[in-house]
Amino acid sequence: MKYKTLVIGNNNLIIDDFFVQMVDDLEVVSCSTRYSDISRHIKYFVPDVFVYCMYNEKEESIRQMVNVKPMLKQSRTPVVIIGSKEDCVEFNRIAVNVSDMDIMRPFTAVSIRDSIVRYMELNYPGRKEEALAEKTKEREAAEAKEVDIDSLKNVLSSLDAALSGTASDEAPSKVEPKTADNNTPIAEPKPEQAPAPEPKPEPRVYTDGRKHILVVDDDPIMLKMVKEQLRDAYDVATAISGKIAMKFLERKKTDLILLDYEMPGETGPDVLEKLRENNFTKDIPVIFLTGVSDKSKIQEAIALKPQGYLLKPIDHDKLMSTINSAIGY
């Protein structure tokens, strides 16, 4: 497991280094310096370490870290600031007692990575094991929920069969007609004919006419974050594996699938191939999500002809515009 690292700030060169040169030890997500954006990422990403990469930062951006710190403290997340000596001094003057570690120039991407990893190992031993246990727990819960859904489906099917009734193998017994005192047969009242059962409606997932999106990713944190970004405009369902996604599509409809490119076991391309082979799912638009920026990987994904391809961390505006281009709002 890698240390989950939330990165903000104006120093884009250092932030790029996090995504390119530190990915072996750090699982990196970036966001803007807006308070609402930071708080949302803390809530759904739950970082192990928070990094502020500083360059010509506005005073109000630094000052708001005083309010961010309590949220990070609840999840035992340290704050690391990176910048020149002047930047670090200014940060500590404005946001007193917020920084847990200062990394000042001169530095390299390797020295930044080593400093963060060493700090986490010394001050938060067992953090990786805790993250692995939590991720395993969430995965097992998702799989158990899927089993519960299948069990409920079987119970409902049994109830439908019992309520509709089944034909009996035995012939009905003959009933003699009743007579009055003058032996005149009395006509039996005809039983009311039961109304024909209404056809079962086709399962739907839409509400209020909104379009539906299925997000498939093996990372529960990523599922939560994407769902949060889409919830105001679309109905959203999530699946933690391709297998669960295919089971979902047996019962429900969706307008578009956001599909993680690299998943353990059954990869995104594997799932896309199954979708295209199925007459009921072959026309569903698919947009790949991936944290791999390698040029050859991108070319491989494009060769599969998805409707889009988005790099993680996912920019909200880019995500919405790509979806809008594929299916509209």
C-alpha atoms as a PDB file:
ATOM      1  CA  MET A   1       0.000   0.000   0.000  1.00  0.00           C
ATOM      2  CA  LYS A   2       1.065   3.574  -0.676  1.00  0.00           C
ATOM      3  CA  TYR A   3       0.599   6.645   1.502  1.00  0.00           C
ATOM      4  CA  LYS A   4      -2.449   8.556   0.265  1.00  0.00           C
ATOM      5  CA  THR A   5      -1.252  12.093  -0.401  1.00  0.00           C
ATOM      6  CA  LEU A   6      -3.461  15.130  -1.012  1.00  0.00           C
ATOM      7  CA  VAL A   7      -1.522  17.901  -2.774  1.00  0.00           C
ATOM      8  CA  ILE A   8      -2.473  21.568  -3.217  1.00  0.00           C
ATOM      9  CA  GLY A   9      -0.684  24.822  -4.057  1.00  0.00           C
ATOM     10  CA  ASN A  10       0.564  26.973  -6.934  1.00  0.00           C
ATOM     11  CA  ASN A  11       3.896  25.204  -7.516  1.00  0.00           C
ATOM     12  CA  ASN A  12       2.810  23.058 -10.455  1.00  0.00           C
ATOM     13  CA  LEU A  13       6.345  21.840 -11.160  1.00  0.00           C
ATOM     14  CA  ILE A  14       6.571  20.150  -7.772  1.00  0.00           C
ATOM     15  CA  ILE A  15       3.007  18.841  -8.049  1.00  0.00           C
ATOM     16  CA  ASP A  16       3.902  17.283 -11.415  1.00  0.00           C
ATOM     17  CA  ASP A  17       6.877  15.583  -9.747  1.00  0.00           C
ATOM     18  CA  PHE A  18       4.500  13.982  -7.250  1.00  0.00           C
ATOM     19  CA  PHE A  19       2.550  12.349 -10.085  1.00  0.00           C
ATOM     20  CA  VAL A  20       5.576  11.384 -12.181  1.00  0.00           C
ATOM     21  CA  GLN A  21       8.433  10.545  -9.791  1.00  0.00           C
ATOM     22  CA  MET A  22       6.794   9.617  -6.478  1.00  0.00           C
ATOM     23  CA  VAL A  23       4.053   7.201  -7.549  1.00  0.00           C
ATOM     24  CA  ASP A  24       5.884   4.129  -6.220  1.00  0.00           C
ATOM     25  CA  ASP A  25       5.421   5.262  -2.614  1.00  0.00           C
ATOM     26  CA  LEU A  26       2.625   7.848  -2.734  1.00  0.00           C
ATOM     27  CA  GLU A  27      -0.934   7.606  -4.035  1.00  0.00           C
ATOM     28  CA  VAL A  28      -1.416  11.204  -5.123  1.00  0.00           C
ATOM     29  CA  VAL A  29      -4.576  13.262  -5.579  1.00  0.00           C
ATOM     30  CA  SER A  30      -4.554  17.024  -6.115  1.00  0.00           C
ATOM     31  CA  CYS A  31      -7.230  19.675  -5.688  1.00  0.00           C
ATOM     32  CA  SER A  32      -7.621  23.435  -5.759  1.00  0.00           C
ATOM     33  CA  THR A  33      -6.931  25.739  -2.805  1.00  0.00           C
ATOM     34  CA  ARG A  34     -10.665  26.475  -2.372  1.00  0.00           C
ATOM     35  CA  TYR A  35     -11.811  25.543   1.110  1.00  0.00           C
ATOM     36  CA  SER A  36     -14.881  23.654  -0.113  1.00  0.00           C
ATOM     37  CA  ASP A  37     -12.754  21.608  -2.500  1.00  0.00           C
ATOM     38  CA  ILE A  38     -10.159  20.816   0.169  1.00  0.00           C
ATOM     39  CA  SER A  39     -12.762  19.783   2.742  1.00  0.00           C
ATOM     40  CA  ARG A  40     -14.541  17.546   0.221  1.00  0.00           C
ATOM     41  CA  HIS A  41     -11.306  15.764  -0.722  1.00  0.00           C
ATOM     42  CA  ILE A  42     -10.374  15.289   2.936  1.00  0.00           C
ATOM     43  CA  LYS A  43     -13.788  13.764   3.599  1.00  0.00           C
ATOM     44  CA  TYR A  44     -13.833  11.330   0.692  1.00  0.00           C
ATOM     45  CA  PHE A  45     -10.137  10.692   0.012  1.00  0.00           C
ATOM     46  CA  VAL A  46      -9.079  10.612   3.702  1.00  0.00           C
ATOM     47  CA  PRO A  47      -5.399  11.313   2.996  1.00  0.00           C
ATOM     48  CA  ASP A  48      -2.515   9.950   5.061  1.00  0.00           C
ATOM     49  CA  VAL A  49      -0.551  13.134   4.465  1.00  0.00           C
ATOM     50  CA  PHE A  50      -1.496  16.656   3.269  1.00  0.00           C
ATOM     51  CA  VAL A  51       1.091  18.565   1.206  1.00  0.00           C
ATOM     52  CA  TYR A  52       1.066  22.288   0.395  1.00  0.00           C
ATOM     53  CA  CYS A  53       3.405  23.086  -2.543  1.00  0.00           C
ATOM     54  CA  MET A  54       3.909  26.835  -2.243  1.00  0.00           C
ATOM     55  CA  TYR A  55       4.690  29.487  -4.828  1.00  0.00           C
ATOM     56  CA  ASN A  56       3.335  33.053  -4.621  1.00  0.00           C
ATOM     57  CA  GLU A  57       0.436  31.891  -2.456  1.00  0.00           C
ATOM     58  CA  LYS A  58      -2.283  34.364  -1.507  1.00  0.00           C
ATOM     59  CA  GLU A  59      -2.542  35.186   2.170  1.00  0.00           C
ATOM     60  CA  GLU A  60      -6.201  34.109   2.331  1.00  0.00           C
ATOM     61  CA  SER A  61      -5.284  30.698   0.909  1.00  0.00           C
ATOM     62  CA  ILE A  62      -2.728  30.201   3.647  1.00  0.00           C
ATOM     63  CA  ARG A  63      -4.971  31.634   6.362  1.00  0.00           C
ATOM     64  CA  GLN A  64      -7.768  29.150   5.605  1.00  0.00           C
ATOM     65  CA  MET A  65      -5.420  26.321   6.554  1.00  0.00           C
ATOM     66  CA  VAL A  66      -6.141  27.260  10.161  1.00  0.00           C
ATOM     67  CA  ASN A  67      -9.675  25.958   9.554  1.00  0.00           C
ATOM     68  CA  VAL A  68      -8.477  22.970   7.521  1.00  0.00           C
ATOM     69  CA  LYS A  69      -6.115  21.765  10.264  1.00  0.00           C
ATOM     70  CA  PRO A  70      -8.858  20.503  12.669  1.00  0.00           C
ATOM     71  CA  MET A  71     -10.310  18.285   9.925  1.00  0.00           C
ATOM     72  CA  LEU A  72      -6.886  16.804   9.265  1.00  0.00           C
ATOM     73  CA  LYS A  73      -6.250  16.357  12.973  1.00  0.00           C
ATOM     74  CA  GLN A  74      -9.384  14.209  13.298  1.00  0.00           C
ATOM     75  CA  SER A  75      -7.988  11.742  10.767  1.00  0.00           C
ATOM     76  CA  ARG A  76      -4.428  11.972  12.161  1.00  0.00           C
ATOM     77  CA  THR A  77      -3.165  13.537   8.934  1.00  0.00           C
ATOM     78  CA  PRO A  78       0.040  15.619   9.125  1.00  0.00           C
ATOM     79  CA  VAL A  79       0.574  18.802   7.109  1.00  0.00           C
ATOM     80  CA  VAL A  80       3.771  19.133   5.064  1.00  0.00           C
ATOM     81  CA  ILE A  81       4.710  22.454   3.444  1.00  0.00           C
ATOM     82  CA  ILE A  82       7.209  22.665   0.576  1.00  0.00           C
ATOM     83  CA  GLY A  83       8.816  25.834  -0.738  1.00  0.00           C
ATOM     84  CA  SER A  84      11.578  28.366  -0.323  1.00  0.00           C
ATOM     85  CA  LYS A  85      12.675  29.449   3.136  1.00  0.00           C
ATOM     86  CA  GLU A  86      10.720  32.682   2.695  1.00  0.00           C
ATOM     87  CA  ASP A  87       7.566  30.764   1.703  1.00  0.00           C
ATOM     88  CA  CYS A  88       7.795  28.495   4.733  1.00  0.00           C
ATOM     89  CA  VAL A  89       8.435  31.364   7.123  1.00  0.00           C
ATOM     90  CA  GLU A  90       5.466  33.291   5.715  1.00  0.00           C
ATOM     91  CA  PHE A  91       3.208  30.233   5.970  1.00  0.00           C
ATOM     92  CA  ASN A  92       4.125  29.641   9.622  1.00  0.00           C
ATOM     93  CA  ARG A  93       3.625  33.320  10.422  1.00  0.00           C
ATOM     94  CA  ILE A  94       0.085  33.338   9.019  1.00  0.00           C
ATOM     95  CA  ALA A  95      -1.006  29.786   9.901  1.00  0.00           C
ATOM     96  CA  VAL A  96       0.570  29.262  13.304  1.00  0.00           C
ATOM     97  CA  ASN A  97       1.073  25.626  14.440  1.00  0.00           C
ATOM     98  CA  VAL A  98      -0.481  24.208  11.267  1.00  0.00           C
ATOM     99  CA  SER A  99       2.612  22.734   9.585  1.00  0.00           C
ATOM    100  CA  ASP A 100       4.002  19.462  10.950  1.00  0.00           C
ATOM    101  CA  MET A 101       7.034  19.362   8.650  1.00  0.00           C
ATOM    102  CA  ASP A 102       8.725  22.008   6.478  1.00  0.00           C
ATOM    103  CA  ILE A 103      10.710  20.996   3.371  1.00  0.00           C
ATOM    104  CA  MET A 104      12.776  23.962   2.166  1.00  0.00           C
ATOM    105  CA  ARG A 105      14.916  24.512  -0.888  1.00  0.00           C
ATOM    106  CA  PRO A 106      17.247  23.127  -2.099  1.00  0.00           C
ATOM    107  CA  PHE A 107      15.479  19.808  -2.719  1.00  0.00           C
ATOM    108  CA  THR A 108      14.760  17.248  -5.417  1.00  0.00           C
ATOM    109  CA  ALA A 109      11.734  15.103  -6.127  1.00  0.00           C
ATOM    110  CA  VAL A 110      13.560  12.122  -4.626  1.00  0.00           C
ATOM    111  CA  SER A 111      14.507  14.012  -1.454  1.00  0.00           C
ATOM    112  CA  ILE A 112      10.893  15.217  -1.035  1.00  0.00           C
ATOM    113  CA  ARG A 113       9.574  11.673  -1.408  1.00  0.00           C
ATOM    114  CA  ASP A 114      12.163  10.245   0.994  1.00  0.00           C
ATOM    115  CA  SER A 115      11.470  12.951   3.582  1.00  0.00           C
ATOM    116  CA  ILE A 116       7.716  12.322   3.533  1.00  0.00           C
ATOM    117  CA  VAL A 117       8.057   8.532   3.650  1.00  0.00           C
ATOM    118  CA  ARG A 118      10.609   8.714   6.489  1.00  0.00           C
ATOM    119  CA  TYR A 119       8.399  11.101   8.449  1.00  0.00           C
ATOM    120  CA  MET A 120       5.352   8.837   8.055  1.00  0.00           C
ATOM    121  CA  GLU A 121       7.282   5.712   9.046  1.00  0.00           C
ATOM    122  CA  LEU A 122       8.670   7.387  12.168  1.00  0.00           C
ATOM    123  CA  ASN A 123       5.531   9.174  13.331  1.00  0.00           C
ATOM    124  CA  TYR A 124       2.738   6.969  11.980  1.00  0.00           C
ATOM    125  CA  PRO A 125       3.997   3.375  12.098  1.00  0.00           C
ATOM    126  CA  GLY A 126       1.456   0.861  10.853  1.00  0.00           C
ATOM    127  CA  ARG A 127      -0.409   3.457   8.775  1.00  0.00           C
ATOM    128  CA  LYS A 128      -0.021   1.420   5.575  1.00  0.00           C
ATOM    129  CA  GLU A 129      -1.310  -1.691   7.309  1.00  0.00           C
ATOM    130  CA  GLU A 130      -4.305   0.242   8.616  1.00  0.00           C
ATOM    131  CA  ALA A 131      -5.095   1.503   5.112  1.00  0.00           C
ATOM    132  CA  LEU A 132      -4.801  -2.004   3.650  1.00  0.00           C
ATOM    133  CA  ALA A 133      -7.109  -3.430   6.333  1.00  0.00           C
ATOM    134  CA  GLU A 134      -9.664  -0.653   5.728  1.00  0.00           C
ATOM    135  CA  LYS A 135      -9.602  -1.173   1.965  1.00  0.00           C
ATOM    136  CA  THR A 136     -10.024  -4.937   2.410  1.00  0.00           C
ATOM    137  CA  LYS A 137     -12.941  -4.336   4.769  1.00  0.00           C
ATOM    138  CA  GLU A 138     -14.682  -2.015   2.271  1.00  0.00           C
ATOM    139  CA  ARG A 139     -14.160  -4.502  -0.555  1.00  0.00           C
ATOM    140  CA  GLU A 140     -15.613  -7.370   1.500  1.00  0.00           C
ATOM    141  CA  ALA A 141     -18.587  -5.212   2.491  1.00  0.00           C
ATOM    142  CA  ALA A 142     -19.269  -4.361  -1.155  1.00  0.00           C
ATOM    143  CA  GLU A 143     -19.091  -8.028  -2.152  1.00  0.00           C
ATOM    144  CA  ALA A 144     -21.357  -9.029   0.751  1.00  0.00           C
ATOM    145  CA  LYS A 145     -23.873  -6.372  -0.294  1.00  0.00           C
ATOM    146  CA  GLU A 146     -23.920  -7.811  -3.800  1.00  0.00           C
ATOM    147  CA  VAL A 147     -24.649 -11.285  -2.367  1.00  0.00           C
ATOM    148  CA  ASP A 148     -27.490  -9.817  -0.304  1.00  0.00           C
ATOM    149  CA  ILE A 149     -28.977  -8.251  -3.435  1.00  0.00           C
ATOM    150  CA  ASP A 150     -28.893 -11.599  -5.251  1.00  0.00           C
ATOM    151  CA  SER A 151     -30.529 -13.317  -2.268  1.00  0.00           C
ATOM    152  CA  LEU A 152     -33.249 -10.672  -2.138  1.00  0.00           C
ATOM    153  CA  LYS A 153     -33.844 -11.130  -5.866  1.00  0.00           C
ATOM    154  CA  ASN A 154     -34.383 -14.883  -5.333  1.00  0.00           C
ATOM    155  CA  VAL A 155     -36.810 -14.248  -2.464  1.00  0.00           C
ATOM    156  CA  LEU A 156     -38.815 -11.769  -4.551  1.00  0.00           C
ATOM    157  CA  SER A 157     -38.973 -14.247  -7.433  1.00  0.00           C
ATOM    158  CA  SER A 158     -40.329 -16.909  -5.073  1.00  0.00           C
ATOM    159  CA  LEU A 159     -42.943 -14.506  -3.739  1.00  0.00           C
ATOM    160  CA  ASP A 160     -44.023 -13.594  -7.281  1.00  0.00           C
ATOM    161  CA  ALA A 161     -44.485 -17.252  -8.123  1.00  0.00           C
ATOM    162  CA  ALA A 162     -46.474 -17.905  -4.939  1.00  0.00           C
ATOM    163  CA  LEU A 163     -48.763 -14.913  -5.459  1.00  0.00           C
ATOM    164  CA  SER A 164     -49.495 -15.672  -9.120  1.00  0.00           C
ATOM    165  CA  GLY A 165     -50.291 -19.303  -8.321  1.00  0.00           C
ATOM    166  CA  THR A 166     -49.370 -22.473 -10.224  1.00  0.00           C
ATOM    167  CA  ALA A 167     -51.490 -24.945 -12.146  1.00  0.00           C
ATOM    168  CA  SER A 168     -52.488 -28.051 -10.198  1.00  0.00           C
ATOM    169  CA  ASP A 169     -51.778 -31.513 -11.573  1.00  0.00           C
ATOM    170  CA  GLU A 170     -55.021 -32.876 -10.076  1.00  0.00           C
ATOM    171  CA  ALA A 171     -58.336 -32.688 -11.960  1.00  0.00           C
ATOM    172  CA  PRO A 172     -60.975 -30.598 -10.156  1.00  0.00           C
ATOM    173  CA  SER A 173     -63.603 -32.650  -8.312  1.00  0.00           C
ATOM    174  CA  LYS A 174     -67.126 -32.694  -9.798  1.00  0.00           C
ATOM    175  CA  VAL A 175     -69.685 -30.665  -7.844  1.00  0.00           C
ATOM    176  CA  GLU A 176     -73.385 -31.612  -8.036  1.00  0.00           C
ATOM    177  CA  PRO A 177     -75.693 -28.664  -8.762  1.00  0.00           C
ATOM    178  CA  LYS A 178     -77.798 -27.507  -5.829  1.00  0.00           C
ATOM    179  CA  THR A 179     -81.619 -27.843  -6.063  1.00  0.00           C
ATOM    180  CA  ALA A 180     -84.601 -26.157  -4.433  1.00  0.00           C
ATOM    181  CA  ASP A 181     -87.472 -28.076  -2.768  1.00  0.00           C
ATOM    182  CA  ASN A 182     -89.171 -28.569  -6.173  1.00  0.00           C
ATOM    183  CA  ASN A 183     -85.975 -30.172  -7.452  1.00  0.00           C
ATOM    184  CA  THR A 184     -85.378 -27.223  -9.820  1.00  0.00           C
ATOM    185  CA  PRO A 185     -81.676 -26.706 -10.213  1.00  0.00           C
ATOM    186  CA  ILE A 186     -80.412 -23.476  -8.748  1.00  0.00           C
ATOM    187  CA  ALA A 187     -77.868 -21.736 -10.937  1.00  0.00           C
ATOM    188  CA  GLU A 188     -74.519 -21.329  -9.266  1.00  0.00           C
ATOM    189  CA  PRO A 189     -73.331 -17.744  -9.304  1.00  0.00           C
ATOM    190  CA  LYS A 190     -70.456 -17.297 -11.691  1.00  0.00           C
ATOM    191  CA  PRO A 191     -67.253 -16.435  -9.868  1.00  0.00           C
ATOM    192  CA  GLU A 192     -65.816 -13.090 -10.736  1.00  0.00           C
ATOM    193  CA  GLN A 193     -63.022 -13.470 -13.214  1.00  0.00           C
ATOM    194  CA  ALA A 194     -59.700 -12.425 -11.714  1.00  0.00           C
ATOM    195  CA  PRO A 195     -58.146  -9.519 -13.583  1.00  0.00           C
ATOM    196  CA  ALA A 196     -55.158 -10.383 -15.714  1.00  0.00           C
ATOM    197  CA  PRO A 197     -51.912  -9.611 -13.924  1.00  0.00           C
ATOM    198  CA  GLU A 198     -50.314  -6.393 -15.040  1.00  0.00           C
ATOM    199  CA  PRO A 199     -47.044  -6.816 -16.901  1.00  0.00           C
ATOM    200  CA  LYS A 200     -44.051  -6.209 -14.709  1.00  0.00           C
ATOM    201  CA  PRO A 201     -42.399  -2.880 -15.452  1.00  0.00           C
ATOM    202  CA  GLU A 202     -38.902  -2.978 -16.828  1.00  0.00           C
ATOM    203  CA  PRO A 203     -36.382  -2.191 -14.087  1.00  0.00           C
ATOM    204  CA  ARG A 204     -35.251   1.406 -14.169  1.00  0.00           C
ATOM    205  CA  VAL A 205     -32.661   3.383 -12.305  1.00  0.00           C
ATOM    206  CA  TYR A 206     -33.623   6.889 -13.334  1.00  0.00           C
ATOM    207  CA  THR A 207     -35.355   9.444 -11.122  1.00  0.00           C
ATOM    208  CA  ASP A 208     -36.941  12.690 -12.260  1.00  0.00           C
ATOM    209  CA  GLY A 209     -35.892  11.964 -15.846  1.00  0.00           C
ATOM    210  CA  ARG A 210     -32.198  12.370 -15.035  1.00  0.00           C
ATOM    211  CA  LYS A 211     -29.623  10.316 -16.896  1.00  0.00           C
ATOM    212  CA  HIS A 212     -27.781   7.528 -15.145  1.00  0.00           C
ATOM    213  CA  ILE A 213     -24.066   6.774 -14.856  1.00  0.00           C
ATOM    214  CA  LEU A 214     -22.371   3.600 -13.608  1.00  0.00           C
ATOM    215  CA  VAL A 215     -18.883   4.098 -12.117  1.00  0.00           C
ATOM    216  CA  VAL A 216     -16.615   1.024 -12.005  1.00  0.00           C
ATOM    217  CA  ASP A 217     -13.394   1.237  -9.967  1.00  0.00           C
ATOM    218  CA  ASP A 218     -11.661  -1.059  -7.481  1.00  0.00           C
ATOM    219  CA  ASP A 219     -10.873   1.892  -5.187  1.00  0.00           C
ATOM    220  CA  PRO A 220     -13.829   2.703  -2.860  1.00  0.00           C
ATOM    221  CA  ILE A 221     -12.415   6.172  -2.190  1.00  0.00           C
ATOM    222  CA  MET A 222     -12.371   6.993  -5.900  1.00  0.00           C
ATOM    223  CA  LEU A 223     -15.956   5.719  -6.229  1.00  0.00           C
ATOM    224  CA  LYS A 224     -17.083   8.060  -3.446  1.00  0.00           C
ATOM    225  CA  MET A 225     -15.271  11.039  -4.921  1.00  0.00           C
ATOM    226  CA  VAL A 226     -16.638  10.580  -8.446  1.00  0.00           C
ATOM    227  CA  LYS A 227     -20.149   9.966  -7.142  1.00  0.00           C
ATOM    228  CA  GLU A 228     -19.953  13.169  -5.121  1.00  0.00           C
ATOM    229  CA  GLN A 229     -18.877  15.137  -8.200  1.00  0.00           C
ATOM    230  CA  LEU A 230     -21.756  13.784 -10.317  1.00  0.00           C
ATOM    231  CA  ARG A 231     -24.620  13.589  -7.835  1.00  0.00           C
ATOM    232  CA  ASP A 232     -26.029  17.073  -8.589  1.00  0.00           C
ATOM    233  CA  ALA A 233     -26.443  16.373 -12.327  1.00  0.00           C
ATOM    234  CA  TYR A 234     -26.897  12.594 -12.667  1.00  0.00           C
ATOM    235  CA  ASP A 235     -28.164   9.485 -10.939  1.00  0.00           C
ATOM    236  CA  VAL A 236     -25.084   7.427 -10.063  1.00  0.00           C
ATOM    237  CA  ALA A 237     -24.439   3.780  -9.184  1.00  0.00           C
ATOM    238  CA  THR A 238     -21.036   2.303  -8.313  1.00  0.00           C
ATOM    239  CA  ALA A 239     -19.415  -1.107  -8.715  1.00  0.00           C
ATOM    240  CA  ILE A 240     -16.109  -2.198  -7.215  1.00  0.00           C
ATOM    241  CA  SER A 241     -15.338  -4.738  -9.969  1.00  0.00           C
ATOM    242  CA  GLY A 242     -16.255  -5.631 -13.528  1.00  0.00           C
ATOM    243  CA  LYS A 243     -18.095  -8.716 -12.294  1.00  0.00           C
ATOM    244  CA  ILE A 244     -20.390  -6.670 -10.080  1.00  0.00           C
ATOM    245  CA  ALA A 245     -20.912  -4.146 -12.892  1.00  0.00           C
ATOM    246  CA  MET A 246     -22.046  -6.872 -15.313  1.00  0.00           C
ATOM    247  CA  LYS A 247     -24.483  -8.256 -12.710  1.00  0.00           C
ATOM    248  CA  PHE A 248     -25.874  -4.761 -12.218  1.00  0.00           C
ATOM    249  CA  LEU A 249     -26.431  -4.386 -15.963  1.00  0.00           C
ATOM    250  CA  GLU A 250     -28.414  -7.634 -16.043  1.00  0.00           C
ATOM    251  CA  ARG A 251     -31.102  -5.915 -13.968  1.00  0.00           C
ATOM    252  CA  LYS A 252     -30.699  -2.188 -14.598  1.00  0.00           C
ATOM    253  CA  LYS A 253     -30.078   0.303 -17.367  1.00  0.00           C
ATOM    254  CA  THR A 254     -27.446   2.999 -17.532  1.00  0.00           C
ATOM    255  CA  ASP A 255     -26.669   5.781 -19.992  1.00  0.00           C
ATOM    256  CA  LEU A 256     -22.891   5.768 -19.574  1.00  0.00           C
ATOM    257  CA  ILE A 257     -20.109   3.831 -17.828  1.00  0.00           C
ATOM    258  CA  LEU A 258     -17.027   5.414 -16.223  1.00  0.00           C
ATOM    259  CA  LEU A 259     -14.565   2.497 -16.216  1.00  0.00           C
ATOM    260  CA  ASP A 260     -11.240   2.227 -14.403  1.00  0.00           C
ATOM    261  CA  TYR A 261      -8.589   1.134 -16.917  1.00  0.00           C
ATOM    262  CA  GLU A 262      -6.390  -0.802 -14.475  1.00  0.00           C
ATOM    263  CA  MET A 263      -8.131  -3.109 -11.996  1.00  0.00           C
ATOM    264  CA  PRO A 264      -6.857  -6.323 -10.397  1.00  0.00           C
ATOM    265  CA  GLY A 265      -8.081  -9.515 -12.044  1.00  0.00           C
ATOM    266  CA  GLU A 266     -10.486  -8.268 -14.688  1.00  0.00           C
ATOM    267  CA  THR A 267      -9.112  -5.053 -16.213  1.00  0.00           C
ATOM    268  CA  GLY A 268     -11.031  -2.211 -17.799  1.00  0.00           C
ATOM    269  CA  PRO A 269     -10.299  -3.460 -21.348  1.00  0.00           C
ATOM    270  CA  ASP A 270     -11.558  -6.923 -20.313  1.00  0.00           C
ATOM    271  CA  VAL A 271     -14.817  -5.415 -19.086  1.00  0.00           C
ATOM    272  CA  LEU A 272     -15.181  -3.272 -22.223  1.00  0.00           C
ATOM    273  CA  GLU A 273     -14.761  -6.375 -24.395  1.00  0.00           C
ATOM    274  CA  LYS A 274     -17.589  -8.123 -22.508  1.00  0.00           C
ATOM    275  CA  LEU A 275     -19.798  -5.063 -22.856  1.00  0.00           C
ATOM    276  CA  ARG A 276     -19.257  -4.950 -26.620  1.00  0.00           C
ATOM    277  CA  GLU A 277     -20.026  -8.682 -27.001  1.00  0.00           C
ATOM    278  CA  ASN A 278     -23.393  -8.327 -25.242  1.00  0.00           C
ATOM    279  CA  ASN A 279     -26.300  -7.116 -27.416  1.00  0.00           C
ATOM    280  CA  PHE A 280     -27.889  -5.353 -24.437  1.00  0.00           C
ATOM    281  CA  THR A 281     -24.745  -3.411 -23.441  1.00  0.00           C
ATOM    282  CA  LYS A 282     -22.769  -3.015 -26.676  1.00  0.00           C
ATOM    283  CA  ASP A 283     -24.042   0.513 -27.357  1.00  0.00           C
ATOM    284  CA  ILE A 284     -23.464   1.956 -23.864  1.00  0.00           C
ATOM    285  CA  PRO A 285     -20.870   4.784 -24.033  1.00  0.00           C
ATOM    286  CA  VAL A 286     -17.718   4.039 -22.007  1.00  0.00           C
ATOM    287  CA  ILE A 287     -15.190   6.553 -20.671  1.00  0.00           C
ATOM    288  CA  PHE A 288     -11.932   5.197 -19.254  1.00  0.00           C
ATOM    289  CA  LEU A 289     -10.487   6.519 -15.979  1.00  0.00           C
ATOM    290  CA  THR A 290      -6.836   5.893 -15.198  1.00  0.00           C
ATOM    291  CA  GLY A 291      -3.966   7.134 -13.087  1.00  0.00           C
ATOM    292  CA  VAL A 292      -1.411   6.008 -15.676  1.00  0.00           C
ATOM    293  CA  SER A 293      -0.150   8.817 -17.891  1.00  0.00           C
ATOM    294  CA  ASP A 294       2.258   6.641 -19.905  1.00  0.00           C
ATOM    295  CA  LYS A 295       1.907   7.465 -23.610  1.00  0.00           C
ATOM    296  CA  SER A 296       1.809   3.812 -24.717  1.00  0.00           C
ATOM    297  CA  LYS A 297      -0.953   3.030 -22.213  1.00  0.00           C
ATOM    298  CA  ILE A 298      -2.991   5.976 -23.442  1.00  0.00           C
ATOM    299  CA  GLN A 299      -2.603   4.770 -27.034  1.00  0.00           C
ATOM    300  CA  GLU A 300      -3.709   1.265 -25.995  1.00  0.00           C
ATOM    301  CA  ALA A 301      -6.828   2.696 -24.354  1.00  0.00           C
ATOM    302  CA  ILE A 302      -7.683   4.899 -27.346  1.00  0.00           C
ATOM    303  CA  ALA A 303      -7.297   1.897 -29.663  1.00  0.00           C
ATOM    304  CA  LEU A 304     -10.245   0.284 -27.858  1.00  0.00           C
ATOM    305  CA  LYS A 305     -12.401   3.192 -29.092  1.00  0.00           C
ATOM    306  CA  PRO A 306     -14.018   4.355 -25.843  1.00  0.00           C
ATOM    307  CA  GLN A 307     -16.065   7.561 -25.859  1.00  0.00           C
ATOM    308  CA  GLY A 308     -13.478   9.273 -23.682  1.00  0.00           C
ATOM    309  CA  TYR A 309     -10.325   8.919 -21.596  1.00  0.00           C
ATOM    310  CA  LEU A 310      -9.691  10.850 -18.354  1.00  0.00           C
ATOM    311  CA  LEU A 311      -6.538  10.916 -16.245  1.00  0.00           C
ATOM    312  CA  LYS A 312      -6.681  10.716 -12.447  1.00  0.00           C
ATOM    313  CA  PRO A 313      -6.860  12.850 -10.406  1.00  0.00           C
ATOM    314  CA  ILE A 314     -10.038  13.750 -12.221  1.00  0.00           C
ATOM    315  CA  ASP A 315     -10.659  17.424 -12.880  1.00  0.00           C
ATOM    316  CA  HIS A 316     -14.333  18.172 -12.185  1.00  0.00           C
ATOM    317  CA  ASP A 317     -14.849  20.504 -15.147  1.00  0.00           C
ATOM    318  CA  LYS A 318     -13.122  18.104 -17.540  1.00  0.00           C
ATOM    319  CA  LEU A 319     -15.201  15.207 -16.205  1.00  0.00           C
ATOM    320  CA  MET A 320     -18.486  17.053 -16.678  1.00  0.00           C
ATOM    321  CA  SER A 321     -17.613  18.314 -20.175  1.00  0.00           C
ATOM    322  CA  THR A 322     -16.548  14.836 -21.327  1.00  0.00           C
ATOM    323  CA  ILE A 323     -19.760  13.249 -20.041  1.00  0.00           C
ATOM    324  CA  ASN A 324     -21.835  16.049 -21.538  1.00  0.00           C
ATOM    325  CA  SER A 325     -20.195  15.471 -24.918  1.00  0.00           C
ATOM    326  CA  ALA A 326     -21.068  11.761 -24.729  1.00  0.00           C
ATOM    327  CA  ILE A 327     -24.659  11.814 -23.399  1.00  0.00           C
ATOM    328  CA  GLY A 328     -25.603  15.387 -22.504  1.00  0.00           C
ATOM    329  CA  TYR A 329     -27.332  16.338 -19.242  1.00  0.00           C
END
